[in-house]
Protein backbone atom coordinates (compact mmCIF):
# COMPACT_ATOMS: atom_id res chain seq x y z
CA ALA A 1 -19.55 -0.55 -11.08
CA GLU A 2 -17.54 -0.49 -7.72
CA ASN A 3 -16.06 2.87 -8.59
CA ASP A 4 -19.23 4.90 -8.72
CA GLU A 5 -22.13 4.64 -6.30
CA GLY A 6 -24.77 5.47 -8.99
CA LEU A 7 -23.27 2.90 -11.21
CA MET A 8 -23.46 0.40 -8.35
CA GLU A 9 -27.01 1.06 -7.71
CA LYS A 10 -27.91 0.67 -11.43
CA PHE A 11 -25.93 -2.58 -11.57
CA PHE A 12 -27.84 -4.04 -8.68
CA GLU A 13 -31.23 -3.04 -10.19
CA THR A 14 -30.58 -4.13 -13.94
CA GLU A 15 -27.59 -6.45 -13.61
CA HIS A 16 -25.96 -4.76 -16.60
CA LEU A 17 -24.48 -1.53 -17.72
CA THR A 18 -24.20 0.14 -21.07
CA GLU A 19 -20.96 0.64 -22.79
CA ASP A 20 -20.82 4.27 -22.00
CA GLU A 21 -21.42 3.61 -18.32
CA MET A 22 -18.71 1.04 -18.23
CA ARG A 23 -16.37 3.43 -19.89
CA GLU A 24 -17.18 5.91 -17.15
CA GLY A 25 -16.51 3.33 -14.33
CA ILE A 26 -13.24 2.33 -15.79
CA ARG A 27 -12.27 6.06 -16.08
CA LYS A 28 -13.16 6.64 -12.43
CA GLY A 29 -11.32 3.49 -11.38
CA MET A 30 -8.18 4.68 -13.18
CA VAL A 31 -8.47 8.17 -11.41
CA THR A 32 -8.45 6.39 -8.06
CA ARG A 33 -5.82 3.80 -9.27
CA SER A 34 -8.09 0.84 -8.45
CA ILE A 35 -8.10 -0.21 -12.08
CA PHE A 36 -5.01 -0.87 -14.20
CA PRO A 37 -5.89 -1.86 -17.77
CA VAL A 38 -3.60 -4.18 -19.69
CA PHE A 39 -3.57 -4.46 -23.39
CA CYS A 40 -1.78 -7.05 -25.67
CA VAL A 41 -0.50 -5.29 -28.76
CA CYS A 42 1.89 -6.19 -31.51
CA ALA A 43 3.19 -3.02 -33.25
CA SER A 44 5.04 -4.88 -36.09
CA LYS A 45 1.96 -6.71 -37.20
CA ASN A 46 -0.40 -3.79 -36.26
CA MET A 47 -2.55 -5.97 -33.97
CA GLY A 48 -4.52 -4.39 -31.19
CA VAL A 49 -3.05 -0.92 -31.95
CA GLY A 50 -6.27 0.68 -33.05
CA ARG A 51 -8.01 -0.65 -29.98
CA LEU A 52 -5.48 0.81 -27.73
CA MET A 53 -5.58 4.23 -29.35
CA GLU A 54 -9.36 4.09 -29.14
CA PHE A 55 -9.18 3.33 -25.44
CA LEU A 56 -6.77 6.34 -24.91
CA GLY A 57 -9.16 8.59 -26.69
CA ASN A 58 -12.50 7.39 -25.26
CA VAL A 59 -11.71 6.32 -21.68
CA VAL A 60 -8.52 7.38 -20.25
CA PRO A 61 -8.85 10.38 -18.01
CA PHE A 62 -7.16 13.84 -18.63
CA VAL A 63 -3.94 14.67 -16.85
CA ASP A 64 -5.57 17.26 -14.66
CA GLU A 65 -8.30 14.63 -13.55
CA MET A 66 -5.70 12.30 -12.03
CA PRO A 67 -4.40 12.61 -8.47
CA ALA A 68 -1.99 15.39 -7.91
CA VAL A 69 1.74 14.53 -8.43
CA HIS A 70 4.13 15.29 -5.70
CA ASN A 71 7.95 15.98 -5.92
CA THR A 72 10.48 14.33 -3.63
CA ARG A 73 9.96 17.03 -1.05
CA GLY A 74 6.28 16.28 -0.91
CA GLU A 75 5.11 19.44 -2.53
CA GLU A 76 2.16 19.25 -5.08
CA VAL A 77 3.09 19.88 -8.73
CA LYS A 78 0.08 20.93 -10.82
CA PRO A 79 0.05 20.15 -14.51
CA ASP A 80 -0.26 23.86 -15.45
CA PRO A 81 1.07 25.05 -18.85
CA ALA A 82 1.70 28.53 -17.39
CA GLY A 83 3.62 27.13 -14.31
CA PRO A 84 7.42 26.63 -13.88
CA THR A 85 8.85 24.22 -16.60
CA SER A 86 9.69 20.81 -15.17
CA ILE A 87 10.18 17.75 -17.31
CA TYR A 88 10.77 13.91 -16.26
CA PHE A 89 12.74 11.48 -18.24
CA PHE A 90 11.09 7.99 -18.07
CA LYS A 91 12.92 6.02 -20.92
CA THR A 92 16.12 5.90 -22.89
CA GLY A 93 16.32 4.37 -26.37
CA VAL A 94 19.53 3.82 -28.33
CA GLU A 95 19.16 3.99 -32.13
CA PRO A 96 21.94 3.42 -34.84
CA HIS A 97 23.21 6.72 -36.47
CA ILE A 98 21.34 8.87 -33.76
CA GLY A 99 22.50 7.58 -30.42
CA GLU A 100 20.43 8.10 -27.28
CA VAL A 101 16.84 9.05 -27.68
CA GLN A 102 15.47 10.38 -24.37
CA TYR A 103 11.73 10.13 -23.75
CA PHE A 104 10.04 12.67 -21.33
CA LYS A 105 6.85 13.76 -19.80
CA VAL A 106 6.17 17.61 -19.17
CA MET A 107 5.06 17.63 -15.58
CA SER A 108 4.39 21.34 -15.47
CA GLY A 109 4.92 24.50 -17.49
CA THR A 110 5.80 24.54 -21.25
CA VAL A 111 9.04 23.42 -22.77
CA HIS A 112 10.25 25.28 -26.01
CA GLU A 113 12.84 24.30 -28.62
CA GLY A 114 16.20 25.87 -27.55
CA ASP A 115 15.25 26.14 -23.81
CA ASP A 116 18.18 25.75 -21.28
CA LEU A 117 17.24 23.61 -18.36
CA ALA A 118 19.10 22.34 -15.29
CA ASN A 119 19.32 18.60 -14.38
CA ALA A 120 18.14 18.46 -10.63
CA ASP A 121 19.72 15.00 -10.23
CA ARG A 122 23.23 15.53 -11.81
CA GLY A 123 23.74 19.31 -11.47
CA SER A 124 24.46 19.76 -15.17
CA LYS A 125 22.95 22.09 -17.78
CA GLU A 126 21.15 20.89 -20.88
CA ARG A 127 19.86 22.67 -24.04
CA MET A 128 16.77 21.17 -25.62
CA ALA A 129 17.97 21.66 -29.21
CA GLN A 130 15.06 19.74 -30.81
CA ILE A 131 11.80 18.42 -29.51
CA PHE A 132 9.80 15.72 -31.12
CA VAL A 133 6.39 13.90 -30.70
CA CYS A 134 6.67 10.19 -31.43
CA SER A 135 4.44 8.08 -33.49
CA GLY A 136 6.11 4.58 -33.22
CA ALA A 137 9.63 4.87 -34.81
CA SER A 138 8.70 8.12 -36.65
CA ARG A 139 9.28 11.53 -34.92
CA GLU A 140 7.62 14.79 -35.77
CA LYS A 141 9.45 18.03 -34.88
CA VAL A 142 7.47 20.52 -32.70
CA GLU A 143 8.28 23.86 -31.34
CA GLN A 144 6.79 23.29 -27.84
CA LEU A 145 5.21 20.80 -25.52
CA GLN A 146 2.95 21.61 -22.58
CA ALA A 147 2.14 20.02 -19.19
CA GLY A 148 0.81 16.53 -19.71
CA ASP A 149 2.43 16.11 -23.07
CA ILE A 150 4.98 13.25 -23.67
CA GLY A 151 7.77 13.69 -26.20
CA CYS A 152 11.38 12.99 -26.95
CA THR A 153 14.70 14.67 -27.57
CA VAL A 154 18.17 13.70 -28.83
CA LYS A 155 21.80 14.65 -28.30
CA LEU A 156 21.62 15.52 -24.56
CA LYS A 157 24.92 15.61 -22.75
CA ASP A 158 24.20 13.97 -19.36
CA VAL A 159 20.69 12.72 -18.85
CA ARG A 160 19.70 9.38 -17.51
CA THR A 161 16.39 7.64 -17.11
CA GLY A 162 14.67 8.89 -13.95
CA ASN A 163 16.34 12.46 -14.10
CA THR A 164 14.35 15.71 -13.94
CA LEU A 165 15.15 18.85 -15.81
CA ASN A 166 13.87 22.22 -14.58
CA GLY A 167 13.58 25.75 -15.79
CA LYS A 168 14.64 28.83 -13.93
CA ASP A 169 13.49 29.26 -10.21
CA CYS A 170 12.26 25.58 -10.11
CA GLU A 171 13.76 22.78 -8.01
CA ASN A 172 11.53 19.80 -8.62
CA ARG A 173 12.75 16.26 -8.46
CA PHE A 174 10.61 13.35 -9.24
CA ASN A 175 11.15 9.83 -8.21
CA PHE A 176 8.44 7.70 -9.92
CA ILE A 177 10.32 4.64 -10.92
CA LYS A 178 11.09 2.05 -8.23
CA TYR A 179 13.20 -0.67 -9.99
CA PRO A 180 12.83 -4.18 -8.42
CA ASN A 181 16.07 -5.72 -7.01
CA PRO A 182 17.68 -8.23 -9.30
CA LYS A 183 16.72 -11.84 -8.68
CA TYR A 184 18.84 -13.87 -11.19
CA THR A 185 22.67 -13.46 -11.71
CA ARG A 186 24.97 -15.12 -14.26
CA ALA A 187 28.70 -14.63 -14.94
CA ILE A 188 29.12 -13.57 -18.75
CA LYS A 189 32.04 -13.94 -21.02
CA ALA A 190 32.70 -13.17 -24.61
CA ALA A 191 33.25 -16.43 -26.62
CA ASN A 192 36.21 -14.68 -28.16
CA GLU A 193 38.22 -12.78 -25.52
CA ALA A 194 39.15 -10.05 -27.96
CA ASP A 195 35.48 -9.11 -27.95
CA THR A 196 35.30 -8.24 -24.27
CA GLU A 197 35.59 -4.49 -24.51
CA LYS A 198 32.83 -4.55 -27.32
CA MET A 199 30.69 -6.63 -24.99
CA MET A 200 31.14 -4.25 -22.07
CA ALA A 201 30.20 -1.24 -24.33
CA ALA A 202 27.09 -3.06 -25.56
CA LEU A 203 25.97 -4.09 -22.02
CA ASN A 204 26.37 -0.55 -20.64
CA ARG A 205 24.47 0.80 -23.64
CA MET A 206 21.64 -1.88 -23.01
CA ARG A 207 21.57 -1.02 -19.32
CA GLN A 208 20.69 2.58 -20.16
CA GLU A 209 17.60 1.21 -22.14
CA ASP A 210 16.56 -1.22 -19.37
CA PRO A 211 18.10 -0.19 -15.88
CA THR A 212 16.83 -3.48 -14.37
CA TRP A 213 19.85 -5.20 -16.20
CA GLU A 214 22.76 -4.54 -13.87
CA VAL A 215 26.34 -5.08 -14.92
CA GLU A 216 29.17 -5.69 -12.23
CA GLN A 217 32.90 -6.22 -12.79
CA SER A 218 33.61 -8.19 -9.66
CA LYS A 219 37.24 -7.78 -8.61
CA GLU A 220 36.64 -10.35 -5.75
CA LEU A 221 35.13 -13.14 -7.94
CA ARG A 222 37.24 -12.28 -11.12
CA GLN A 223 34.08 -12.37 -13.26
CA ILE A 224 31.75 -9.98 -15.14
CA LEU A 225 28.28 -10.55 -13.62
CA VAL A 226 24.97 -9.58 -15.15
CA HIS A 227 21.86 -9.37 -12.87
CA GLY A 228 18.33 -9.53 -14.05
CA GLN A 229 14.82 -10.34 -13.23
CA GLY A 230 14.88 -13.89 -14.28
CA GLU A 231 16.29 -16.47 -16.68
CA PHE A 232 14.09 -15.23 -19.67
CA HIS A 233 15.33 -11.59 -18.99
CA LEU A 234 19.00 -12.65 -19.22
CA ARG A 235 18.23 -14.89 -22.31
CA THR A 236 16.81 -11.71 -23.87
CA LEU A 237 20.09 -9.95 -23.24
CA LYS A 238 22.17 -12.86 -24.70
CA TRP A 239 19.95 -12.88 -27.80
CA ARG A 240 20.40 -9.19 -28.32
CA LEU A 241 24.22 -9.30 -27.95
CA GLU A 242 24.42 -12.25 -30.35
CA ASN A 243 21.95 -11.18 -32.95
CA LEU A 244 22.12 -7.27 -32.93
CA ASP A 245 25.70 -6.69 -31.79
CA LYS A 246 27.04 -9.92 -33.35
CA ILE A 247 29.04 -10.73 -30.12
CA PRO A 248 28.76 -14.40 -29.16
CA VAL A 249 28.69 -14.75 -25.37
CA GLU A 250 28.51 -17.59 -22.76
CA PHE A 251 26.80 -17.68 -19.40
CA TYR A 252 28.37 -19.28 -16.25
CA GLU A 253 27.34 -19.91 -12.75
CA PRO A 254 28.69 -16.96 -10.86
CA ARG A 255 31.16 -17.75 -8.10
CA ILE A 256 30.00 -17.32 -4.54
CA PRO A 257 31.70 -14.54 -2.33
CA TYR A 258 32.70 -16.69 0.46
CA ARG A 259 34.62 -15.30 3.45
CA GLU A 260 37.35 -17.13 5.64
CA THR A 261 37.81 -16.57 9.34
CA ILE A 262 39.27 -18.43 12.33
CA THR A 263 37.82 -20.10 15.38
CA LYS A 264 40.67 -20.25 17.90
CA ALA A 265 44.06 -18.59 18.67
CA ALA A 266 47.27 -19.98 17.09
CA ARG A 267 50.82 -18.81 16.84
CA ALA A 268 53.48 -18.96 14.20
CA ASP A 269 56.96 -17.58 13.37
CA TYR A 270 58.67 -17.22 10.01
CA ARG A 271 62.14 -16.12 9.01
CA HIS A 272 62.58 -14.75 5.51
CA LYS A 273 66.34 -14.88 4.51
CA LYS A 274 67.88 -14.57 1.22
CA GLN A 275 71.56 -14.13 0.39
CA SER A 276 72.82 -13.85 -3.16
CA GLY A 277 75.58 -11.32 -3.67
CA GLY A 278 75.40 -7.78 -2.48
CA ALA A 279 72.78 -6.78 0.05
CA GLY A 280 70.71 -9.66 1.37
CA GLN A 281 67.20 -9.95 2.74
CA PHE A 282 66.23 -10.68 6.35
CA GLY A 283 63.26 -10.56 8.42
CA GLU A 284 61.75 -12.71 11.18
CA VAL A 285 58.33 -12.25 12.55
CA HIS A 286 56.62 -14.06 15.55
CA LEU A 287 52.82 -13.45 15.79
CA VAL A 288 49.55 -14.64 17.35
CA VAL A 289 46.20 -14.73 15.54
CA GLU A 290 42.81 -15.20 16.92
CA PRO A 291 39.16 -14.58 16.14
CA TYR A 292 37.92 -10.97 16.69
CA SER A 293 34.47 -9.68 17.52
CA ASP A 294 33.56 -5.93 18.24
CA GLY A 295 34.01 -4.96 21.90
CA MET A 296 36.55 -7.56 22.76
CA PRO A 297 38.90 -6.52 25.56
CA ASP A 298 42.61 -6.11 24.58
CA PRO A 299 44.73 -9.25 25.16
CA THR A 300 47.18 -9.40 28.02
CA VAL A 301 48.56 -13.00 27.93
CA TYR A 302 48.55 -16.04 25.69
CA LYS A 303 49.44 -19.69 26.64
CA PHE A 304 50.42 -22.25 24.06
CA GLY A 305 51.66 -25.55 25.48
CA GLY A 306 54.14 -24.63 28.19
CA GLN A 307 54.91 -21.17 26.71
CA GLU A 308 53.34 -17.94 27.97
CA ILE A 309 53.36 -14.79 25.74
CA ARG A 310 52.85 -11.55 27.55
CA VAL A 311 51.32 -8.80 25.58
CA THR A 312 52.54 -5.12 26.03
CA ILE A 313 50.46 -2.92 23.53
CA LYS A 314 52.99 -0.46 21.84
CA GLY A 315 50.54 0.24 18.98
CA LYS A 316 47.11 -0.83 17.71
CA GLU A 317 45.32 -0.44 14.50
CA GLU A 318 41.63 -1.30 13.74
CA ILE A 319 41.17 -1.66 9.99
CA PRO A 320 37.51 -1.90 8.74
CA LEU A 321 37.71 -4.06 5.73
CA GLU A 322 36.02 -3.08 2.50
CA TRP A 323 34.44 -6.58 2.13
CA GLY A 324 33.07 -6.61 5.74
CA GLY A 325 34.41 -7.44 9.14
CA LYS A 326 37.67 -6.00 10.64
CA LEU A 327 41.29 -6.73 10.99
CA VAL A 328 42.98 -5.50 14.37
CA PHE A 329 46.75 -5.23 14.26
CA ILE A 330 48.72 -4.95 17.51
CA ASN A 331 52.35 -4.22 17.93
CA SER A 332 53.69 -5.82 21.07
CA VAL A 333 57.32 -5.97 20.26
CA VAL A 334 59.64 -5.04 23.34
CA GLY A 335 63.24 -4.30 23.35
CA GLY A 336 63.54 -3.21 19.80
CA ALA A 337 63.56 -6.72 18.39
CA ILE A 338 61.78 -5.25 15.27
CA ASP A 339 62.19 -1.73 14.49
CA ALA A 340 58.75 0.29 14.58
CA ARG A 341 59.43 1.38 10.82
CA PHE A 342 59.10 -2.20 9.69
CA MET A 343 55.55 -2.61 11.23
CA PRO A 344 53.68 -1.03 8.22
CA ALA A 345 55.47 -3.48 6.01
CA ILE A 346 54.43 -6.48 8.29
CA LEU A 347 50.79 -5.09 8.18
CA LYS A 348 50.89 -4.89 4.32
CA GLY A 349 52.01 -8.57 4.07
CA ILE A 350 49.21 -9.67 6.34
CA MET A 351 46.64 -7.55 4.39
CA SER A 352 47.70 -9.13 1.16
CA ARG A 353 46.92 -12.60 2.61
CA MET A 354 43.68 -11.28 4.03
CA GLU A 355 42.63 -10.56 0.45
CA GLN A 356 43.29 -14.14 -0.64
CA GLY A 357 42.57 -16.46 2.26
CA PRO A 358 44.52 -19.71 2.60
CA LEU A 359 41.44 -22.04 2.30
CA THR A 360 39.80 -20.94 -0.98
CA GLY A 361 41.35 -17.69 -1.95
CA SER A 362 38.32 -15.81 -0.62
CA TYR A 363 38.56 -12.58 1.61
CA ALA A 364 39.43 -13.29 5.20
CA ARG A 365 37.68 -11.19 8.01
CA ASP A 366 37.35 -10.71 11.82
CA VAL A 367 40.91 -11.56 12.81
CA ARG A 368 43.22 -10.07 15.47
CA VAL A 369 47.03 -10.28 14.88
CA VAL A 370 49.49 -9.58 17.73
CA VAL A 371 53.15 -9.19 16.55
CA TYR A 372 55.11 -10.01 19.78
CA ASP A 373 58.68 -10.71 18.74
CA GLY A 374 61.07 -11.17 15.77
CA LYS A 375 64.69 -10.47 14.70
CA MET A 376 66.25 -7.93 12.32
CA HIS A 377 69.64 -7.55 10.70
CA PRO A 378 71.43 -4.16 10.77
CA VAL A 379 72.18 -4.37 7.10
CA ASP A 380 69.88 -6.86 5.32
CA SER A 381 66.68 -6.04 6.87
CA ASN A 382 64.30 -4.07 4.61
CA GLU A 383 60.49 -3.51 4.16
CA LEU A 384 60.23 -6.22 1.50
CA SER A 385 61.77 -8.89 3.88
CA PHE A 386 59.40 -7.92 6.73
CA MET A 387 56.40 -7.83 4.33
CA LEU A 388 57.18 -11.50 3.17
CA ALA A 389 57.98 -12.79 6.68
CA GLY A 390 54.64 -11.20 8.03
CA ARG A 391 52.71 -12.71 5.16
CA ASN A 392 54.02 -16.16 5.58
CA ALA A 393 53.79 -16.19 9.32
CA PHE A 394 50.16 -15.04 9.20
CA SER A 395 49.41 -17.75 6.65
CA GLN A 396 50.91 -20.48 8.81
CA ALA A 397 49.12 -19.24 11.91
CA PHE A 398 45.79 -18.89 10.03
CA LYS A 399 45.85 -22.66 8.95
CA GLU A 400 46.52 -23.69 12.58
CA ALA A 401 43.65 -21.56 14.06
CA GLY A 402 40.68 -23.63 13.21
CA PRO A 403 39.97 -21.89 9.80
CA LYS A 404 36.34 -21.77 8.70
CA ILE A 405 34.64 -20.78 5.57
CA LEU A 406 31.68 -18.30 5.94
CA GLU A 407 28.98 -18.22 3.21
CA PRO A 408 26.54 -15.38 2.45
CA ILE A 409 22.98 -15.90 3.73
CA TYR A 410 20.02 -13.89 2.24
CA ASP A 411 16.74 -12.82 3.60
CA VAL A 412 14.25 -14.11 1.04
CA GLU A 413 10.48 -13.20 0.98
CA VAL A 414 8.28 -15.23 -1.21
CA PHE A 415 4.71 -14.19 -2.19
CA VAL A 416 2.79 -17.40 -3.01
CA PRO A 417 -0.82 -18.39 -3.64
CA ALA A 418 -2.14 -20.36 -0.69
CA ASP A 419 -2.55 -23.68 -2.62
CA LYS A 420 1.08 -23.73 -3.51
CA MET A 421 2.47 -22.89 -0.09
CA GLY A 422 3.47 -26.39 0.81
CA ASP A 423 5.47 -27.03 -2.34
CA VAL A 424 7.38 -23.75 -1.96
CA MET A 425 8.22 -24.42 1.66
CA SER A 426 9.60 -27.89 0.98
CA ASP A 427 11.53 -26.63 -1.87
CA LEU A 428 13.11 -23.79 0.21
CA GLN A 429 13.94 -26.38 2.97
CA GLY A 430 15.67 -28.69 0.25
CA ARG A 431 17.82 -25.50 -0.44
CA ARG A 432 19.08 -25.53 3.08
CA GLY A 433 16.61 -22.59 3.83
CA LEU A 434 15.33 -21.79 7.38
CA ILE A 435 11.72 -20.62 7.30
CA VAL A 436 11.59 -17.72 9.85
CA GLY A 437 7.97 -16.44 9.32
CA MET A 438 4.66 -16.52 7.51
CA SER A 439 1.93 -14.05 7.04
CA SER A 440 -0.86 -13.16 4.68
CA GLU A 441 -0.66 -9.97 2.41
CA ASN A 442 -3.08 -8.80 -0.24
CA GLY A 443 -4.54 -12.24 -0.84
CA TYR A 444 -1.15 -13.96 -1.04
CA GLU A 445 0.80 -15.93 1.61
CA LYS A 446 4.20 -14.30 2.47
CA LEU A 447 7.03 -16.74 3.36
CA GLN A 448 10.17 -15.47 4.98
CA ALA A 449 13.26 -17.46 4.97
CA LYS A 450 17.07 -17.31 5.42
CA VAL A 451 18.74 -19.06 2.46
CA PRO A 452 22.38 -19.56 1.53
CA LEU A 453 23.16 -17.58 -1.74
CA LYS A 454 24.60 -20.73 -3.27
CA GLU A 455 21.16 -22.39 -3.31
CA MET A 456 19.50 -19.43 -4.92
CA SER A 457 21.22 -19.39 -8.43
CA ASN A 458 18.28 -21.00 -10.29
CA TYR A 459 15.46 -20.18 -7.88
CA SER A 460 13.51 -17.89 -10.06
CA THR A 461 13.10 -20.62 -12.73
CA SER A 462 12.15 -23.29 -10.06
CA LEU A 463 9.66 -21.02 -8.30
CA SER A 464 7.93 -20.15 -11.57
CA SER A 465 7.66 -23.81 -12.57
CA LEU A 466 6.35 -24.87 -9.12
CA THR A 467 3.67 -22.20 -9.03
CA GLY A 468 2.86 -21.82 -12.79
CA GLY A 469 4.50 -18.29 -12.69
CA ARG A 470 2.09 -17.12 -9.90
CA ALA A 471 4.64 -16.51 -7.14
CA SER A 472 7.26 -13.81 -6.79
CA PHE A 473 10.14 -13.21 -4.43
CA ILE A 474 12.61 -10.61 -3.27
CA MET A 475 15.90 -11.20 -1.56
CA LYS A 476 18.57 -9.13 0.21
CA PHE A 477 21.85 -9.81 1.90
CA ALA A 478 21.49 -10.67 5.64
CA SER A 479 24.78 -12.05 7.09
CA TYR A 480 27.65 -14.45 6.85
CA GLU A 481 27.29 -17.80 8.46
CA LEU A 482 29.58 -20.95 8.88
CA VAL A 483 29.48 -23.37 5.99
CA PRO A 484 28.67 -27.09 7.06
CA GLY A 485 31.62 -29.21 7.46
CA ASP A 486 31.01 -31.48 4.36
CA LEU A 487 30.42 -28.49 2.16
CA GLN A 488 33.64 -26.89 3.44
CA LYS A 489 35.67 -29.96 2.55
CA LYS A 490 34.36 -29.90 -0.98
CA LEU A 491 34.97 -26.15 -1.43
CA ILE A 492 38.63 -26.50 -0.23
CA GLU A 493 39.19 -29.65 -2.57
CA ALA A 494 37.78 -27.70 -5.55
CA HIS A 495 40.15 -24.72 -4.83
CA GLU A 496 43.18 -26.93 -4.52
CA ALA A 497 42.23 -28.64 -7.79
CA GLU A 498 42.01 -25.18 -9.61
CA GLY A 499 45.37 -24.05 -8.08
């Protein structure tokens, strides 16, 4: 009744509406998007299908009654069969013996069998060789579909879910589907290592069908990660791999992408010397490491014990690291103690150690290195010698420089019914979470917190059981913060045990 003033008046007078009036009220609610009907249907047992089809025929508004659709430039696109052709792909299915089946809606114009269209998202050309309308698993070939129609096609070269294909002189792009961020991650491994390639192919195919499954081969963590919406979502993925593709798989806790850094300055020197018939190897490097932050002034002097080290900058490189943070490399060697041509080799040695920090093998970040002295040999010095000397000197200095492990902290927003607020708050605090804000939104309480990623691995399951499935959350990376001392000790011990 709320969707029509006439119906509202009638309802207050008589306190009931006829079935036709209710249909009209629902139809108007759908036009204004204030009502979203939900149906429970089982296609395989044919339960509820008739009722759903009846509802589509009797109640659902026509395409041209719905609010106007806009393309990504904000221009209105009318569902006009005589307009320019534009079709939007909203689903991909993969079927045995056929391959990808792409489902689309005609947004405007008319699409004919054999039409050549341009993909607005990928820049490729596609031919619509065959067009079908679907009735469950059966497809019926048709010659054309008009604005508002839904159909499918096969054997397209390069179309993904969410792409738009256009006819001549038309440049529409639509962006209707907003996928939720993943909330649950597991490392996945084929039970039989020989099946790894088959498993990856199956995962990539499944991702085309459901883009909220994300697959990532993490070089840093040396694991294959699958991200999804929750435990049940990933259990479904596992079931499909094991039952449909016959690939047994196992899930593991994903490793955490820790970072390593230092908290004070330290110096070290290292001599690499190897003599075994023929040309030898010789390189000696003296360096200082210290914590780096953006905008720091260049160093002029360091004091260690009674020794003073003056810095004369001959060369400086700032290297933004692909995993975040920076490495600043300063050449302060005077009097030709180390030839300038060996500096890139020393830097290469340091970078290789930055990629595998001394504490837990994690990436290191935010370090300044000053090479201030060393020695070389006119015959035996080469790039390999200085690379190894630089790597080992850096490793020694890093361990002396108050090394610390940093952990990823995530901004977490939880939408929770008011009566469950206390339980959810205390659970977050038990996960080392810091509550930073609270507000109300659409009848729900919104909790904002900063929580270490390590504590979030089973959060979707816990939140669901705490609130009877009534709460939801989103999380995104915020920053790296120091790990508490007791946890750092455990992490280093665990790394040493693995090594």
